Amino acid sequence: LRAERLGDNPGAIASFREVLAVAPHHAGALAALEALLSDEASRVEVARLLEPEFEAVGEHRKLAWTLQILLESTKQPEERRALALRL
């Protein structure tokens, strides 16, 4: 509701973070967050939330997608190297 009707992506992300804290790997929350990856302003934050979830459920293609987003947004050489190795 926050993301789709109110345009409140930060509020939606906060709500989904709470859902995942209570119900890890919640399919609805993961799908909604995945849809938010198209929003440039929140893309990195959402990728950081989704990365451990996709790893935990074995969604390797989606995990690679989030790692690529994080790699593209990172300037620190050490962090880039670690992300590239994981990817």
C-alpha atoms as a PDB file:
ATOM      1  CA  LEU A   1       0.000   0.000   0.000  1.00  0.00           C
ATOM      2  CA  ARG A   2       2.744   2.444   0.917  1.00  0.00           C
ATOM      3  CA  ALA A   3       4.744   1.814  -2.244  1.00  0.00           C
ATOM      4  CA  GLU A   4       1.941   1.341  -4.753  1.00  0.00           C
ATOM      5  CA  ARG A   5      -0.732   3.775  -3.599  1.00  0.00           C
ATOM      6  CA  LEU A   6       1.145   6.359  -1.549  1.00  0.00           C
ATOM      7  CA  GLY A   7       4.466   6.398  -3.398  1.00  0.00           C
ATOM      8  CA  ASP A   8       6.214   6.030  -0.030  1.00  0.00           C
ATOM      9  CA  ASN A   9       9.029   3.651  -0.928  1.00  0.00           C
ATOM     10  CA  PRO A  10      11.103   4.380   2.204  1.00  0.00           C
ATOM     11  CA  GLY A  11       8.065   3.637   4.375  1.00  0.00           C
ATOM     12  CA  ALA A  12       7.327   0.480   2.392  1.00  0.00           C
ATOM     13  CA  ILE A  13      10.915  -0.722   2.774  1.00  0.00           C
ATOM     14  CA  ALA A  14      10.750  -0.131   6.529  1.00  0.00           C
ATOM     15  CA  SER A  15       7.533  -2.152   6.703  1.00  0.00           C
ATOM     16  CA  PHE A  16       8.993  -5.010   4.675  1.00  0.00           C
ATOM     17  CA  ARG A  17      12.077  -4.987   6.894  1.00  0.00           C
ATOM     18  CA  GLU A  18       9.780  -5.501   9.889  1.00  0.00           C
ATOM     19  CA  VAL A  19       7.926  -8.308   8.123  1.00  0.00           C
ATOM     20  CA  LEU A  20      11.189 -10.094   7.336  1.00  0.00           C
ATOM     21  CA  ALA A  21      12.320  -9.710  10.953  1.00  0.00           C
ATOM     22  CA  VAL A  22       9.173 -11.499  12.118  1.00  0.00           C
ATOM     23  CA  ALA A  23       8.772 -13.909   9.188  1.00  0.00           C
ATOM     24  CA  PRO A  24      12.092 -14.468   7.403  1.00  0.00           C
ATOM     25  CA  HIS A  25      11.834 -15.353   3.717  1.00  0.00           C
ATOM     26  CA  HIS A  26       8.186 -14.172   3.522  1.00  0.00           C
ATOM     27  CA  ALA A  27       7.343 -14.667  -0.157  1.00  0.00           C
ATOM     28  CA  GLY A  28       5.058 -11.637  -0.421  1.00  0.00           C
ATOM     29  CA  ALA A  29       7.582  -9.301   1.164  1.00  0.00           C
ATOM     30  CA  LEU A  30      10.376 -10.632  -1.043  1.00  0.00           C
ATOM     31  CA  ALA A  31       8.283 -10.172  -4.186  1.00  0.00           C
ATOM     32  CA  ALA A  32       7.294  -6.630  -3.215  1.00  0.00           C
ATOM     33  CA  LEU A  33      10.890  -5.718  -2.404  1.00  0.00           C
ATOM     34  CA  GLU A  34      12.043  -7.237  -5.671  1.00  0.00           C
ATOM     35  CA  ALA A  35       9.624  -4.914  -7.485  1.00  0.00           C
ATOM     36  CA  LEU A  36      11.237  -1.958  -5.698  1.00  0.00           C
ATOM     37  CA  LEU A  37      14.609  -2.780  -7.278  1.00  0.00           C
ATOM     38  CA  SER A  38      13.451  -0.760 -10.277  1.00  0.00           C
ATOM     39  CA  ASP A  39      13.440   2.421  -8.163  1.00  0.00           C
ATOM     40  CA  GLU A  40      16.898   3.972  -8.500  1.00  0.00           C
ATOM     41  CA  ALA A  41      16.571   5.897  -5.232  1.00  0.00           C
ATOM     42  CA  SER A  42      16.019   2.782  -3.112  1.00  0.00           C
ATOM     43  CA  ARG A  43      17.688   0.119  -5.270  1.00  0.00           C
ATOM     44  CA  VAL A  44      20.828  -0.328  -3.143  1.00  0.00           C
ATOM     45  CA  GLU A  45      18.961  -0.423   0.168  1.00  0.00           C
ATOM     46  CA  VAL A  46      16.547  -3.003  -1.222  1.00  0.00           C
ATOM     47  CA  ALA A  47      19.411  -5.074  -2.652  1.00  0.00           C
ATOM     48  CA  ARG A  48      21.036  -5.101   0.796  1.00  0.00           C
ATOM     49  CA  LEU A  49      17.795  -6.416   2.292  1.00  0.00           C
ATOM     50  CA  LEU A  50      17.242  -9.019  -0.388  1.00  0.00           C
ATOM     51  CA  GLU A  51      20.812 -10.326  -0.621  1.00  0.00           C
ATOM     52  CA  PRO A  52      20.786 -12.416   2.590  1.00  0.00           C
ATOM     53  CA  GLU A  53      17.209 -13.536   1.946  1.00  0.00           C
ATOM     54  CA  PHE A  54      17.973 -14.815  -1.551  1.00  0.00           C
ATOM     55  CA  GLU A  55      21.099 -16.513  -0.265  1.00  0.00           C
ATOM     56  CA  ALA A  56      19.165 -18.229   2.525  1.00  0.00           C
ATOM     57  CA  VAL A  57      16.448 -19.570   0.210  1.00  0.00           C
ATOM     58  CA  GLY A  58      18.842 -20.614  -2.546  1.00  0.00           C
ATOM     59  CA  GLU A  59      17.641 -18.152  -5.184  1.00  0.00           C
ATOM     60  CA  HIS A  60      21.016 -18.014  -6.920  1.00  0.00           C
ATOM     61  CA  ARG A  61      20.021 -15.938  -9.948  1.00  0.00           C
ATOM     62  CA  LYS A  62      18.297 -13.375  -7.791  1.00  0.00           C
ATOM     63  CA  LEU A  63      21.236 -13.387  -5.397  1.00  0.00           C
ATOM     64  CA  ALA A  64      23.566 -12.676  -8.324  1.00  0.00           C
ATOM     65  CA  TRP A  65      21.262  -9.840  -9.373  1.00  0.00           C
ATOM     66  CA  THR A  66      21.447  -8.200  -5.941  1.00  0.00           C
ATOM     67  CA  LEU A  67      25.209  -8.720  -5.737  1.00  0.00           C
ATOM     68  CA  GLN A  68      25.603  -7.030  -9.125  1.00  0.00           C
ATOM     69  CA  ILE A  69      23.565  -4.049  -7.927  1.00  0.00           C
ATOM     70  CA  LEU A  70      25.717  -3.780  -4.805  1.00  0.00           C
ATOM     71  CA  LEU A  71      28.911  -4.143  -6.828  1.00  0.00           C
ATOM     72  CA  GLU A  72      27.880  -1.368  -9.218  1.00  0.00           C
ATOM     73  CA  SER A  73      27.102   0.977  -6.326  1.00  0.00           C
ATOM     74  CA  THR A  74      30.235   0.348  -4.283  1.00  0.00           C
ATOM     75  CA  LYS A  75      33.328   2.511  -4.572  1.00  0.00           C
ATOM     76  CA  GLN A  76      35.470   0.855  -1.868  1.00  0.00           C
ATOM     77  CA  PRO A  77      38.060  -1.453  -3.528  1.00  0.00           C
ATOM     78  CA  GLU A  78      37.994  -4.040  -0.744  1.00  0.00           C
ATOM     79  CA  GLU A  79      34.213  -4.243  -0.737  1.00  0.00           C
ATOM     80  CA  ARG A  80      34.130  -4.390  -4.553  1.00  0.00           C
ATOM     81  CA  ARG A  81      36.600  -7.253  -4.524  1.00  0.00           C
ATOM     82  CA  ALA A  82      34.589  -9.192  -1.938  1.00  0.00           C
ATOM     83  CA  LEU A  83      31.356  -8.681  -3.893  1.00  0.00           C
ATOM     84  CA  ALA A  84      33.018  -9.642  -7.186  1.00  0.00           C
ATOM     85  CA  LEU A  85      34.359 -12.845  -5.641  1.00  0.00           C
ATOM     86  CA  ARG A  86      30.921 -13.741  -4.293  1.00  0.00           C
ATOM     87  CA  LEU A  87      29.336 -12.970  -7.622  1.00  0.00           C
END
